[in-house]
Amino acid sequence: MRYCYHRTYMGSVRRLSRRSLLVSALAATRLAGQTGKGAQFPAESRRYEDPATELTVFRLTDPSYTSLLPAAYNRAIARNDGWMVYSCDRTGSQQIFRMDLKTAQIRQLTDVEGLDPASVTLTPDNRSVCFFAGRTLLVMAVGNLRERQIYTVAEGWERLPGLSVGPDGTHATFCESRGGGSRLRMVSLGQGMASTVVEAPFAMADPIARPMRAQILYRQGEEALWLVNSDGQQNRKLKVAPGGIRQADWAPDGKTLLYLNIPEDRRELSAIREHTPDSNTDKLVAKTSQFASFHFNHDTSVFVGASRNVGSPYVLLMLRVTRRELTLCEHKASRAELVAPRFSPDSQRVYFQSDRHGKPAIYDMHLEKLVEKTDEG
């Protein structure tokens, strides 16, 4: 594989008159001064050559404020790879923003209180964004920014981490707790009708609907993964490998579940494993150089991970067939779990987070010469 340099987001340099420069500067000042839903902001992306690999890295957001991608299992990037959603506190509180990935220009989408950045997700048709603000679940149309309140957590209950929208875009799933127990809730995005799928005597979290099946995965901390039918039947604990479960998500075809296993003996290497619920089998995909977070491309042939090795704080690619790792760049995040790398839908870019330059910012690398393009799904 060859390393390569990539094009910048900025367009070609054009010769401008003094008057044009003045007008442009005034327009940029007005844009920067706007806040609130619909406000637009100029591009703030910067490129640099990584010290370890000399590959080009793009820092997409300004590290003087906190910018965060949604949970790794949620949709952040439109299927055509033209834009993405993320949250940022540049206006004083966390709000959802839309970034054009060709121009890096930014538009504010929300003006709400109590936004949960991890709950943000695009619906499968890319037309809406679903998220929790405080105790309220909302859906917002990306085109006209109109919001609808879908559901509010009932008094006496508290929302637990995690929100996802199923592959058909009709329902959202999340968890709530009361006392020592919890319940898995499913809400229709169209009519807002809510139902309880299953209850448990422990705190459930991070429910993810299974593609092509009427089932929902949820987790019991880092201890266990559970699978239940959407009608509440056949609730069962999956027989995965011993050790901690750092991260888990469905393969796009829904046949298998890929997860990051942390061995009970912490001197052992963390590993990517694959579980097949239908046959109740579990196998090793590859041991890693201490990945703290990971993601996979659309056909699960390539993985990207963030190493928690203090001496080698890298973002790495791993090929499934060879189990070999390739260093992309340094992440130098204060916590490797923060990095949360992910592929674009076509596998041609990888996005990640780091606070290496200040507050958490979003970074991007182009992979056209390193990873084959995949069906965007």
Foldseek 3Di string as FASTA:
>chain_A
DDADEDDDLDDDDDDDDPVVVVVVVVVQVVLVPDDFAFRKHAWDKDWDQFPPPRYIKIFGDDQVWAKAAAALQAAFAALVNQKGWIWICPVPDTFIWIAGPNNSIITTQHDAAQWDRNAWHAFLVNQWIWTDRAQWIWIAGPPPSDIDTQDGDDPQKAWDAAKYAANVRQWIWGKIDHDQKIFIKIAGPVRSDIDTQEIDSHGKYHWYQFPPFQKIWIDRAQAWIWMAGSNNPPIDTADEDDAGWQDKDAQNNRQKIWTWGQHPPNVAFIFIKIAGVVVSDIGTQAGDQAFNAKEAANRRQKMWGAHPPPVQRFIWMAGSVVRDIDTDHHQPAPGSNQFRWYAQLQRQKIKTWGCPPHHITIMMGGQPVPDHTDNSD
